[in-house]
Amino acid sequence: MGTGHQRSENYCRLNMNNNILKNIGILGLGKMGEPMAGHLIKHGFSVIGYDPLAQACERSALLGVSIQSSPQLVAEKSDLVIIVVGFDSEVEEVIFGNHGVIHAARPGLIVALGSTVAPQYAFELSKKLRKKDIDLLDIPLTRGEAAAISGKLLILGAGEERIFEQCRPVFSAFANDIFHLGQAGCGQVGKMVNNLILWACTAANDEGIRLGESLGVDAEKMRKALHHSSAQNWAMDERADLSGMPWAEKDMNIVLQEADQVRMSLPLCGSIKEVIKGLKIRMGLGLPKALAKASSSS
């Protein structure tokens, strides 16, 4: 085990010195991670992956992903580890849990956080990892599952710019728009603002279309017309309301918490959260557990 770890460390340092990253780890092989892994393999990268779900591992293995039994083993074999999990708790687990990435810490290891988390969390995570000689890039992914499949994700990135540019060829395998916004945490600020506007549009679309219907205008005819108007927006064109909106409450909670940190009042955001909740209830969609309990007890 020690010899293998030494080989991976030497290989990583060699690649860093030559500014080349070839071994890419993916933690989370679900709806986003699996297609991303496929694009990386098509572009000539070696992909090492982990997911707690056996089915996800089996599907990715068919694409050519080298499946490992823990995040630690993925990190030991990788120059760059991309985290694509859903929640802060899952990020904590794959990094700091038993057999997490932190146990493979070494100079030159890069971790890119593709998950959506609070900006303050990303900033603090960067400081923790820096103490372990791990460089954190903050690269929340946008545009959703369809863009992951087509290789046309948008990256709102942050972290040390030199390292970010070193990783750009890797990111280009699955993203066609890549932006660097500043230090670690700034990418999450960009994603937070993006999501605020996304759900604001979704809420406005819902209320506007329903108003039109109540006054006798067919919803689909209205959408087609609005696509060519000043009201045109991505959420309407891509039917964000049909996505299941699983992250809406989480996204708006992040917005409101971060606004509290800087003592900024965002009254619209509180309303957006409630409008989206009402839309999901009308559509028969699931709510986060805390909200579902509150609704059932009221």
C-alpha atoms as a PDB file:
ATOM      1  CA  MET A   1       0.000   0.000   0.000  1.00  0.00           C
ATOM      2  CA  GLY A   2       2.835   2.390   0.909  1.00  0.00           C
ATOM      3  CA  THR A   3       4.639   1.777  -2.396  1.00  0.00           C
ATOM      4  CA  GLY A   4       1.483   2.451  -4.420  1.00  0.00           C
ATOM      5  CA  HIS A   5       0.830   5.668  -2.533  1.00  0.00           C
ATOM      6  CA  GLN A   6       4.410   6.817  -3.180  1.00  0.00           C
ATOM      7  CA  ARG A   7       4.045   6.119  -6.907  1.00  0.00           C
ATOM      8  CA  SER A   8       0.818   8.151  -7.108  1.00  0.00           C
ATOM      9  CA  GLU A   9       2.457  11.013  -5.183  1.00  0.00           C
ATOM     10  CA  ASN A  10       5.492  11.061  -7.467  1.00  0.00           C
ATOM     11  CA  TYR A  11       3.283  10.915 -10.545  1.00  0.00           C
ATOM     12  CA  CYS A  12       1.182  13.797  -9.291  1.00  0.00           C
ATOM     13  CA  ARG A  13       4.251  15.935  -8.646  1.00  0.00           C
ATOM     14  CA  LEU A  14       5.640  15.096 -12.094  1.00  0.00           C
ATOM     15  CA  ASN A  15       2.398  16.193 -13.714  1.00  0.00           C
ATOM     16  CA  MET A  16       2.297  19.382 -11.660  1.00  0.00           C
ATOM     17  CA  ASN A  17       5.831  20.258 -12.710  1.00  0.00           C
ATOM     18  CA  ASN A  18       4.929  19.746 -16.358  1.00  0.00           C
ATOM     19  CA  ASN A  19       1.599  21.547 -15.955  1.00  0.00           C
ATOM     20  CA  ILE A  20      -0.211  18.413 -17.152  1.00  0.00           C
ATOM     21  CA  LEU A  21      -3.116  16.718 -15.402  1.00  0.00           C
ATOM     22  CA  LYS A  22      -4.045  13.276 -16.718  1.00  0.00           C
ATOM     23  CA  ASN A  23      -5.567  11.289 -13.829  1.00  0.00           C
ATOM     24  CA  ILE A  24      -8.930  12.775 -12.882  1.00  0.00           C
ATOM     25  CA  GLY A  25     -11.008  11.610  -9.936  1.00  0.00           C
ATOM     26  CA  ILE A  26     -14.782  11.955  -9.782  1.00  0.00           C
ATOM     27  CA  LEU A  27     -16.584  11.645  -6.436  1.00  0.00           C
ATOM     28  CA  GLY A  28     -20.278  11.229  -7.188  1.00  0.00           C
ATOM     29  CA  LEU A  29     -21.181   9.258 -10.320  1.00  0.00           C
ATOM     30  CA  GLY A  30     -24.830  10.223 -10.537  1.00  0.00           C
ATOM     31  CA  LYS A  31     -26.753  12.313 -13.044  1.00  0.00           C
ATOM     32  CA  MET A  32     -23.950  14.871 -13.317  1.00  0.00           C
ATOM     33  CA  GLY A  33     -20.815  12.913 -12.468  1.00  0.00           C
ATOM     34  CA  GLU A  34     -21.426   9.971 -14.796  1.00  0.00           C
ATOM     35  CA  PRO A  35     -21.717  11.973 -18.041  1.00  0.00           C
ATOM     36  CA  MET A  36     -18.831  14.205 -16.965  1.00  0.00           C
ATOM     37  CA  ALA A  37     -16.689  11.102 -16.513  1.00  0.00           C
ATOM     38  CA  GLY A  38     -17.686   9.906 -19.975  1.00  0.00           C
ATOM     39  CA  HIS A  39     -16.629  13.181 -21.589  1.00  0.00           C
ATOM     40  CA  LEU A  40     -13.295  13.131 -19.768  1.00  0.00           C
ATOM     41  CA  ILE A  41     -12.565   9.620 -21.024  1.00  0.00           C
ATOM     42  CA  LYS A  42     -13.471  10.628 -24.598  1.00  0.00           C
ATOM     43  CA  HIS A  43     -10.961  13.480 -24.294  1.00  0.00           C
ATOM     44  CA  GLY A  44      -8.177  11.119 -23.317  1.00  0.00           C
ATOM     45  CA  PHE A  45      -8.137  11.510 -19.537  1.00  0.00           C
ATOM     46  CA  SER A  46      -7.881   8.554 -17.173  1.00  0.00           C
ATOM     47  CA  VAL A  47     -10.857   8.699 -14.807  1.00  0.00           C
ATOM     48  CA  ILE A  48     -10.973   7.199 -11.330  1.00  0.00           C
ATOM     49  CA  GLY A  49     -14.323   7.238  -9.558  1.00  0.00           C
ATOM     50  CA  TYR A  50     -16.303   6.515  -6.424  1.00  0.00           C
ATOM     51  CA  ASP A  51     -19.983   6.487  -5.548  1.00  0.00           C
ATOM     52  CA  PRO A  52     -21.714   4.847  -2.559  1.00  0.00           C
ATOM     53  CA  LEU A  53     -24.353   3.390  -4.889  1.00  0.00           C
ATOM     54  CA  ALA A  54     -23.342   0.157  -6.611  1.00  0.00           C
ATOM     55  CA  GLN A  55     -25.532   0.822  -9.656  1.00  0.00           C
ATOM     56  CA  ALA A  56     -23.842   4.157 -10.299  1.00  0.00           C
ATOM     57  CA  CYS A  57     -20.439   2.488 -10.105  1.00  0.00           C
ATOM     58  CA  GLU A  58     -21.519  -0.273 -12.482  1.00  0.00           C
ATOM     59  CA  ARG A  59     -22.788   2.200 -15.093  1.00  0.00           C
ATOM     60  CA  SER A  60     -19.618   4.287 -14.905  1.00  0.00           C
ATOM     61  CA  ALA A  61     -17.392   1.225 -15.080  1.00  0.00           C
ATOM     62  CA  LEU A  62     -18.963   0.437 -18.457  1.00  0.00           C
ATOM     63  CA  LEU A  63     -17.730   3.852 -19.662  1.00  0.00           C
ATOM     64  CA  GLY A  64     -14.170   2.992 -18.637  1.00  0.00           C
ATOM     65  CA  VAL A  65     -14.046   4.571 -15.166  1.00  0.00           C
ATOM     66  CA  SER A  66     -11.694   2.845 -12.732  1.00  0.00           C
ATOM     67  CA  ILE A  67     -13.963   2.331  -9.727  1.00  0.00           C
ATOM     68  CA  GLN A  68     -12.454   2.591  -6.251  1.00  0.00           C
ATOM     69  CA  SER A  69     -13.908   1.634  -2.874  1.00  0.00           C
ATOM     70  CA  SER A  70     -13.365   5.004  -1.170  1.00  0.00           C
ATOM     71  CA  PRO A  71     -12.731   8.713  -1.822  1.00  0.00           C
ATOM     72  CA  GLN A  72      -9.275   8.253  -0.280  1.00  0.00           C
ATOM     73  CA  LEU A  73      -8.272   5.699  -2.926  1.00  0.00           C
ATOM     74  CA  VAL A  74      -9.601   7.967  -5.669  1.00  0.00           C
ATOM     75  CA  ALA A  75      -7.520  10.863  -4.339  1.00  0.00           C
ATOM     76  CA  GLU A  76      -4.395   8.703  -4.043  1.00  0.00           C
ATOM     77  CA  LYS A  77      -4.610   7.855  -7.736  1.00  0.00           C
ATOM     78  CA  SER A  78      -5.633  11.308  -9.015  1.00  0.00           C
ATOM     79  CA  ASP A  79      -3.983  14.612  -9.902  1.00  0.00           C
ATOM     80  CA  LEU A  80      -7.322  16.416  -9.683  1.00  0.00           C
ATOM     81  CA  VAL A  81     -10.405  15.266  -7.747  1.00  0.00           C
ATOM     82  CA  ILE A  82     -13.780  16.705  -8.798  1.00  0.00           C
ATOM     83  CA  ILE A  83     -16.556  16.486  -6.190  1.00  0.00           C
ATOM     84  CA  VAL A  84     -20.085  16.213  -7.606  1.00  0.00           C
ATOM     85  CA  VAL A  85     -22.380  15.433  -4.658  1.00  0.00           C
ATOM     86  CA  GLY A  86     -25.601  17.103  -3.589  1.00  0.00           C
ATOM     87  CA  PHE A  87     -25.300  18.509  -0.079  1.00  0.00           C
ATOM     88  CA  ASP A  88     -22.809  20.012   2.388  1.00  0.00           C
ATOM     89  CA  SER A  89     -23.019  16.877   4.554  1.00  0.00           C
ATOM     90  CA  GLU A  90     -21.976  14.722   1.592  1.00  0.00           C
ATOM     91  CA  VAL A  91     -19.091  17.065   0.797  1.00  0.00           C
ATOM     92  CA  GLU A  92     -17.958  16.755   4.407  1.00  0.00           C
ATOM     93  CA  GLU A  93     -18.186  12.975   4.253  1.00  0.00           C
ATOM     94  CA  VAL A  94     -16.157  12.485   1.059  1.00  0.00           C
ATOM     95  CA  ILE A  95     -13.459  14.897   2.266  1.00  0.00           C
ATOM     96  CA  PHE A  96     -13.229  14.419   6.023  1.00  0.00           C
ATOM     97  CA  GLY A  97     -14.965  11.086   6.657  1.00  0.00           C
ATOM     98  CA  ASN A  98     -13.291   7.742   7.252  1.00  0.00           C
ATOM     99  CA  HIS A  99     -11.271   7.015   4.091  1.00  0.00           C
ATOM    100  CA  GLY A 100     -12.005  10.533   2.836  1.00  0.00           C
ATOM    101  CA  VAL A 101      -9.880  12.660   0.528  1.00  0.00           C
ATOM    102  CA  ILE A 102      -8.104  14.292   3.460  1.00  0.00           C
ATOM    103  CA  HIS A 103      -6.343  11.007   4.208  1.00  0.00           C
ATOM    104  CA  ALA A 104      -4.614  11.205   0.811  1.00  0.00           C
ATOM    105  CA  ALA A 105      -3.461  14.808   1.324  1.00  0.00           C
ATOM    106  CA  ARG A 106      -0.143  15.676  -0.319  1.00  0.00           C
ATOM    107  CA  PRO A 107       1.474  18.707  -1.970  1.00  0.00           C
ATOM    108  CA  GLY A 108       0.078  19.229  -5.451  1.00  0.00           C
ATOM    109  CA  LEU A 109      -3.283  17.501  -4.973  1.00  0.00           C
ATOM    110  CA  ILE A 110      -6.122  19.631  -6.368  1.00  0.00           C
ATOM    111  CA  VAL A 111      -9.749  19.304  -5.286  1.00  0.00           C
ATOM    112  CA  ALA A 112     -12.447  20.971  -7.412  1.00  0.00           C
ATOM    113  CA  LEU A 113     -15.799  21.399  -5.676  1.00  0.00           C
ATOM    114  CA  GLY A 114     -18.544  21.133  -8.296  1.00  0.00           C
ATOM    115  CA  SER A 115     -21.330  20.940  -5.709  1.00  0.00           C
ATOM    116  CA  THR A 116     -23.461  23.919  -4.747  1.00  0.00           C
ATOM    117  CA  VAL A 117     -22.713  24.980  -1.169  1.00  0.00           C
ATOM    118  CA  ALA A 118     -22.815  28.224   0.797  1.00  0.00           C
ATOM    119  CA  PRO A 119     -20.027  30.656  -0.190  1.00  0.00           C
ATOM    120  CA  GLN A 120     -18.863  30.942   3.418  1.00  0.00           C
ATOM    121  CA  TYR A 121     -18.571  27.158   3.625  1.00  0.00           C
ATOM    122  CA  ALA A 122     -16.400  27.079   0.473  1.00  0.00           C
ATOM    123  CA  PHE A 123     -14.159  29.814   1.857  1.00  0.00           C
ATOM    124  CA  GLU A 124     -13.646  27.981   5.158  1.00  0.00           C
ATOM    125  CA  LEU A 125     -13.103  24.673   3.354  1.00  0.00           C
ATOM    126  CA  SER A 126     -10.353  26.243   1.279  1.00  0.00           C
ATOM    127  CA  LYS A 127      -8.525  27.331   4.440  1.00  0.00           C
ATOM    128  CA  LYS A 128      -8.837  23.870   6.006  1.00  0.00           C
ATOM    129  CA  LEU A 129      -7.523  22.094   2.909  1.00  0.00           C
ATOM    130  CA  ARG A 130      -4.681  24.564   2.442  1.00  0.00           C
ATOM    131  CA  LYS A 131      -3.362  23.484   5.867  1.00  0.00           C
ATOM    132  CA  LYS A 132      -3.136  19.961   4.427  1.00  0.00           C
ATOM    133  CA  ASP A 133      -1.345  21.098   1.226  1.00  0.00           C
ATOM    134  CA  ILE A 134      -4.501  20.577  -0.852  1.00  0.00           C
ATOM    135  CA  ASP A 135      -5.523  23.293  -3.323  1.00  0.00           C
ATOM    136  CA  LEU A 136      -9.277  23.897  -3.517  1.00  0.00           C
ATOM    137  CA  LEU A 137     -10.972  25.180  -6.642  1.00  0.00           C
ATOM    138  CA  ASP A 138     -14.562  26.304  -6.274  1.00  0.00           C
ATOM    139  CA  ILE A 139     -16.361  25.272  -9.530  1.00  0.00           C
ATOM    140  CA  PRO A 140     -20.143  25.011  -8.997  1.00  0.00           C
ATOM    141  CA  LEU A 141     -21.744  23.545 -12.112  1.00  0.00           C
ATOM    142  CA  THR A 142     -24.764  25.094 -13.802  1.00  0.00           C
ATOM    143  CA  ARG A 143     -27.246  24.295 -16.586  1.00  0.00           C
ATOM    144  CA  GLY A 144     -28.203  20.920 -15.167  1.00  0.00           C
ATOM    145  CA  GLU A 145     -28.299  17.304 -16.270  1.00  0.00           C
ATOM    146  CA  ALA A 146     -28.980  17.919 -19.973  1.00  0.00           C
ATOM    147  CA  ALA A 147     -25.892  20.124 -20.230  1.00  0.00           C
ATOM    148  CA  ALA A 148     -23.805  17.506 -18.403  1.00  0.00           C
ATOM    149  CA  ILE A 149     -24.879  14.932 -20.979  1.00  0.00           C
ATOM    150  CA  SER A 150     -24.127  17.227 -23.927  1.00  0.00           C
ATOM    151  CA  GLY A 151     -20.837  18.439 -22.444  1.00  0.00           C
ATOM    152  CA  LYS A 152     -22.055  22.037 -22.327  1.00  0.00           C
ATOM    153  CA  LEU A 153     -21.989  22.862 -18.633  1.00  0.00           C
ATOM    154  CA  LEU A 154     -21.235  26.346 -17.356  1.00  0.00           C
ATOM    155  CA  ILE A 155     -18.538  26.653 -14.677  1.00  0.00           C
ATOM    156  CA  LEU A 156     -18.599  29.636 -12.340  1.00  0.00           C
ATOM    157  CA  GLY A 157     -15.127  29.057 -10.968  1.00  0.00           C
ATOM    158  CA  ALA A 158     -12.848  30.439  -8.288  1.00  0.00           C
ATOM    159  CA  GLY A 159      -9.634  29.693  -6.434  1.00  0.00           C
ATOM    160  CA  GLU A 160      -5.984  30.396  -7.204  1.00  0.00           C
ATOM    161  CA  GLU A 161      -6.014  31.511 -10.829  1.00  0.00           C
ATOM    162  CA  ARG A 162      -2.781  29.772 -11.816  1.00  0.00           C
ATOM    163  CA  ILE A 163      -4.147  26.412 -10.657  1.00  0.00           C
ATOM    164  CA  PHE A 164      -7.536  27.137 -12.206  1.00  0.00           C
ATOM    165  CA  GLU A 165      -5.923  27.747 -15.600  1.00  0.00           C
ATOM    166  CA  GLN A 166      -3.925  24.543 -15.218  1.00  0.00           C
ATOM    167  CA  CYS A 167      -7.231  22.682 -14.823  1.00  0.00           C
ATOM    168  CA  ARG A 168      -9.034  24.488 -17.659  1.00  0.00           C
ATOM    169  CA  PRO A 169      -8.285  21.754 -20.259  1.00  0.00           C
ATOM    170  CA  VAL A 170      -9.883  19.228 -17.903  1.00  0.00           C
ATOM    171  CA  PHE A 171     -12.952  21.376 -17.344  1.00  0.00           C
ATOM    172  CA  SER A 172     -13.259  21.991 -21.086  1.00  0.00           C
ATOM    173  CA  ALA A 173     -14.004  18.297 -21.583  1.00  0.00           C
ATOM    174  CA  PHE A 174     -17.481  18.760 -20.067  1.00  0.00           C
ATOM    175  CA  ALA A 175     -18.073  22.546 -20.014  1.00  0.00           C
ATOM    176  CA  ASN A 176     -18.137  25.027 -22.900  1.00  0.00           C
ATOM    177  CA  ASP A 177     -18.354  28.204 -20.801  1.00  0.00           C
ATOM    178  CA  ILE A 178     -15.778  28.581 -18.018  1.00  0.00           C
ATOM    179  CA  PHE A 179     -15.352  31.716 -15.899  1.00  0.00           C
ATOM    180  CA  HIS A 180     -12.975  32.557 -13.058  1.00  0.00           C
ATOM    181  CA  LEU A 181     -14.589  34.936 -10.542  1.00  0.00           C
ATOM    182  CA  GLY A 182     -11.960  35.310  -7.810  1.00  0.00           C
ATOM    183  CA  GLN A 183     -10.782  33.554  -4.656  1.00  0.00           C
ATOM    184  CA  ALA A 184     -12.349  30.337  -3.352  1.00  0.00           C
ATOM    185  CA  GLY A 185     -15.966  31.056  -2.430  1.00  0.00           C
ATOM    186  CA  CYS A 186     -16.541  33.518  -5.263  1.00  0.00           C
ATOM    187  CA  GLY A 187     -17.691  30.712  -7.548  1.00  0.00           C
ATOM    188  CA  GLN A 188     -20.370  29.833  -5.025  1.00  0.00           C
ATOM    189  CA  VAL A 189     -21.376  33.504  -4.863  1.00  0.00           C
ATOM    190  CA  GLY A 190     -21.837  33.404  -8.641  1.00  0.00           C
ATOM    191  CA  LYS A 191     -23.894  30.198  -8.408  1.00  0.00           C
ATOM    192  CA  MET A 192     -25.968  31.642  -5.568  1.00  0.00           C
ATOM    193  CA  VAL A 193     -26.831  34.754  -7.590  1.00  0.00           C
ATOM    194  CA  ASN A 194     -27.552  32.582 -10.635  1.00  0.00           C
ATOM    195  CA  ASN A 195     -29.953  30.441  -8.607  1.00  0.00           C
ATOM    196  CA  LEU A 196     -31.647  33.448  -7.046  1.00  0.00           C
ATOM    197  CA  ILE A 197     -32.454  34.802 -10.508  1.00  0.00           C
ATOM    198  CA  LEU A 198     -33.359  31.320 -11.830  1.00  0.00           C
ATOM    199  CA  TRP A 199     -35.970  30.716  -9.138  1.00  0.00           C
ATOM    200  CA  ALA A 200     -37.226  34.304  -9.360  1.00  0.00           C
ATOM    201  CA  CYS A 201     -37.886  33.718 -13.060  1.00  0.00           C
ATOM    202  CA  THR A 202     -39.499  30.353 -12.337  1.00  0.00           C
ATOM    203  CA  ALA A 203     -41.798  31.967  -9.758  1.00  0.00           C
ATOM    204  CA  ALA A 204     -42.715  34.831 -12.103  1.00  0.00           C
ATOM    205  CA  ASN A 205     -43.297  32.410 -14.985  1.00  0.00           C
ATOM    206  CA  ASP A 206     -45.653  30.328 -12.854  1.00  0.00           C
ATOM    207  CA  GLU A 207     -47.724  33.272 -11.658  1.00  0.00           C
ATOM    208  CA  GLY A 208     -47.804  34.929 -15.088  1.00  0.00           C
ATOM    209  CA  ILE A 209     -48.829  31.780 -16.993  1.00  0.00           C
ATOM    210  CA  ARG A 210     -51.512  30.961 -14.433  1.00  0.00           C
ATOM    211  CA  LEU A 211     -52.874  34.504 -14.648  1.00  0.00           C
ATOM    212  CA  GLY A 212     -53.024  34.217 -18.424  1.00  0.00           C
ATOM    213  CA  GLU A 213     -54.832  30.879 -18.183  1.00  0.00           C
ATOM    214  CA  SER A 214     -57.393  32.285 -15.764  1.00  0.00           C
ATOM    215  CA  LEU A 215     -58.109  35.020 -18.309  1.00  0.00           C
ATOM    216  CA  GLY A 216     -58.564  32.540 -21.162  1.00  0.00           C
ATOM    217  CA  VAL A 217     -55.130  32.235 -22.826  1.00  0.00           C
ATOM    218  CA  ASP A 218     -53.754  28.740 -23.441  1.00  0.00           C
ATOM    219  CA  ALA A 219     -50.536  28.173 -21.449  1.00  0.00           C
ATOM    220  CA  GLU A 220     -48.511  26.654 -24.305  1.00  0.00           C
ATOM    221  CA  LYS A 221     -49.534  29.379 -26.747  1.00  0.00           C
ATOM    222  CA  MET A 222     -48.530  31.943 -24.144  1.00  0.00           C
ATOM    223  CA  ARG A 223     -45.101  30.319 -23.625  1.00  0.00           C
ATOM    224  CA  LYS A 224     -44.399  30.243 -27.362  1.00  0.00           C
ATOM    225  CA  ALA A 225     -45.281  33.917 -27.689  1.00  0.00           C
ATOM    226  CA  LEU A 226     -43.282  34.961 -24.628  1.00  0.00           C
ATOM    227  CA  HIS A 227     -40.213  33.192 -26.006  1.00  0.00           C
ATOM    228  CA  HIS A 228     -40.018  36.049 -28.526  1.00  0.00           C
ATOM    229  CA  SER A 229     -40.816  38.820 -26.052  1.00  0.00           C
ATOM    230  CA  SER A 230     -38.964  40.862 -23.443  1.00  0.00           C
ATOM    231  CA  ALA A 231     -40.206  38.316 -20.865  1.00  0.00           C
ATOM    232  CA  GLN A 232     -38.146  35.516 -22.451  1.00  0.00           C
ATOM    233  CA  ASN A 233     -35.940  33.706 -19.921  1.00  0.00           C
ATOM    234  CA  TRP A 234     -33.963  30.456 -19.582  1.00  0.00           C
ATOM    235  CA  ALA A 235     -36.253  29.019 -16.899  1.00  0.00           C
ATOM    236  CA  MET A 236     -39.244  29.330 -19.214  1.00  0.00           C
ATOM    237  CA  ASP A 237     -37.443  28.068 -22.335  1.00  0.00           C
ATOM    238  CA  GLU A 238     -35.994  25.029 -20.544  1.00  0.00           C
ATOM    239  CA  ARG A 239     -39.109  24.421 -18.403  1.00  0.00           C
ATOM    240  CA  ALA A 240     -37.258  24.556 -15.085  1.00  0.00           C
ATOM    241  CA  ASP A 241     -40.618  23.902 -13.418  1.00  0.00           C
ATOM    242  CA  LEU A 242     -40.610  20.372 -14.892  1.00  0.00           C
ATOM    243  CA  SER A 243     -37.190  19.497 -13.474  1.00  0.00           C
ATOM    244  CA  GLY A 244     -38.642  18.471 -10.114  1.00  0.00           C
ATOM    245  CA  MET A 245     -36.877  21.514  -8.610  1.00  0.00           C
ATOM    246  CA  PRO A 246     -35.171  19.361  -5.941  1.00  0.00           C
ATOM    247  CA  TRP A 247     -32.648  22.045  -4.988  1.00  0.00           C
ATOM    248  CA  ALA A 248     -34.897  25.125  -4.905  1.00  0.00           C
ATOM    249  CA  GLU A 249     -35.356  25.327  -1.131  1.00  0.00           C
ATOM    250  CA  LYS A 250     -31.674  24.617  -0.479  1.00  0.00           C
ATOM    251  CA  ASP A 251     -30.673  27.313  -2.985  1.00  0.00           C
ATOM    252  CA  MET A 252     -32.925  29.967  -1.477  1.00  0.00           C
ATOM    253  CA  ASN A 253     -31.865  29.073   2.073  1.00  0.00           C
ATOM    254  CA  ILE A 254     -28.252  29.715   1.038  1.00  0.00           C
ATOM    255  CA  VAL A 255     -29.253  33.108  -0.408  1.00  0.00           C
ATOM    256  CA  LEU A 256     -31.066  34.182   2.747  1.00  0.00           C
ATOM    257  CA  GLN A 257     -28.317  32.934   5.088  1.00  0.00           C
ATOM    258  CA  GLU A 258     -25.583  34.713   3.140  1.00  0.00           C
ATOM    259  CA  ALA A 259     -27.672  37.906   3.044  1.00  0.00           C
ATOM    260  CA  ASP A 260     -27.991  37.738   6.830  1.00  0.00           C
ATOM    261  CA  GLN A 261     -24.192  37.482   7.103  1.00  0.00           C
ATOM    262  CA  VAL A 262     -23.781  40.836   5.345  1.00  0.00           C
ATOM    263  CA  ARG A 263     -26.898  42.374   6.988  1.00  0.00           C
ATOM    264  CA  MET A 264     -28.708  42.783   3.691  1.00  0.00           C
ATOM    265  CA  SER A 265     -32.497  42.646   3.356  1.00  0.00           C
ATOM    266  CA  LEU A 266     -33.787  40.606   0.387  1.00  0.00           C
ATOM    267  CA  PRO A 267     -37.581  40.584   0.793  1.00  0.00           C
ATOM    268  CA  LEU A 268     -38.168  39.248  -2.725  1.00  0.00           C
ATOM    269  CA  CYS A 269     -36.168  36.116  -1.924  1.00  0.00           C
ATOM    270  CA  GLY A 270     -38.412  35.132   0.967  1.00  0.00           C
ATOM    271  CA  SER A 271     -41.417  35.428  -1.341  1.00  0.00           C
ATOM    272  CA  ILE A 272     -39.711  33.407  -4.084  1.00  0.00           C
ATOM    273  CA  LYS A 273     -39.097  30.529  -1.696  1.00  0.00           C
ATOM    274  CA  GLU A 274     -42.796  30.415  -0.776  1.00  0.00           C
ATOM    275  CA  VAL A 275     -43.970  30.688  -4.403  1.00  0.00           C
ATOM    276  CA  ILE A 276     -41.725  27.782  -5.427  1.00  0.00           C
ATOM    277  CA  LYS A 277     -42.974  25.749  -2.459  1.00  0.00           C
ATOM    278  CA  GLY A 278     -46.567  26.383  -3.537  1.00  0.00           C
ATOM    279  CA  LEU A 279     -45.748  25.419  -7.136  1.00  0.00           C
ATOM    280  CA  LYS A 280     -44.195  22.137  -5.984  1.00  0.00           C
ATOM    281  CA  ILE A 281     -47.204  21.354  -3.784  1.00  0.00           C
ATOM    282  CA  ARG A 282     -49.618  21.970  -6.687  1.00  0.00           C
ATOM    283  CA  MET A 283     -47.505  19.736  -8.947  1.00  0.00           C
ATOM    284  CA  GLY A 284     -47.423  16.963  -6.351  1.00  0.00           C
ATOM    285  CA  LEU A 285     -43.647  17.156  -6.023  1.00  0.00           C
ATOM    286  CA  GLY A 286     -41.686  16.214  -2.940  1.00  0.00           C
ATOM    287  CA  LEU A 287     -40.565  18.801  -0.401  1.00  0.00           C
ATOM    288  CA  PRO A 288     -37.447  18.694   1.774  1.00  0.00           C
ATOM    289  CA  LYS A 289     -38.119  16.663   4.938  1.00  0.00           C
ATOM    290  CA  ALA A 290     -38.249  19.670   7.265  1.00  0.00           C
ATOM    291  CA  LEU A 291     -40.765  21.467   5.042  1.00  0.00           C
ATOM    292  CA  ALA A 292     -42.836  18.340   4.523  1.00  0.00           C
ATOM    293  CA  LYS A 293     -43.144  17.793   8.288  1.00  0.00           C
ATOM    294  CA  ALA A 294     -44.148  21.412   8.832  1.00  0.00           C
ATOM    295  CA  SER A 295     -46.800  21.223   6.076  1.00  0.00           C
ATOM    296  CA  SER A 296     -48.295  17.970   7.405  1.00  0.00           C
ATOM    297  CA  SER A 297     -48.516  19.278  10.965  1.00  0.00           C
ATOM    298  CA  SER A 298     -50.172  22.574  10.039  1.00  0.00           C
END
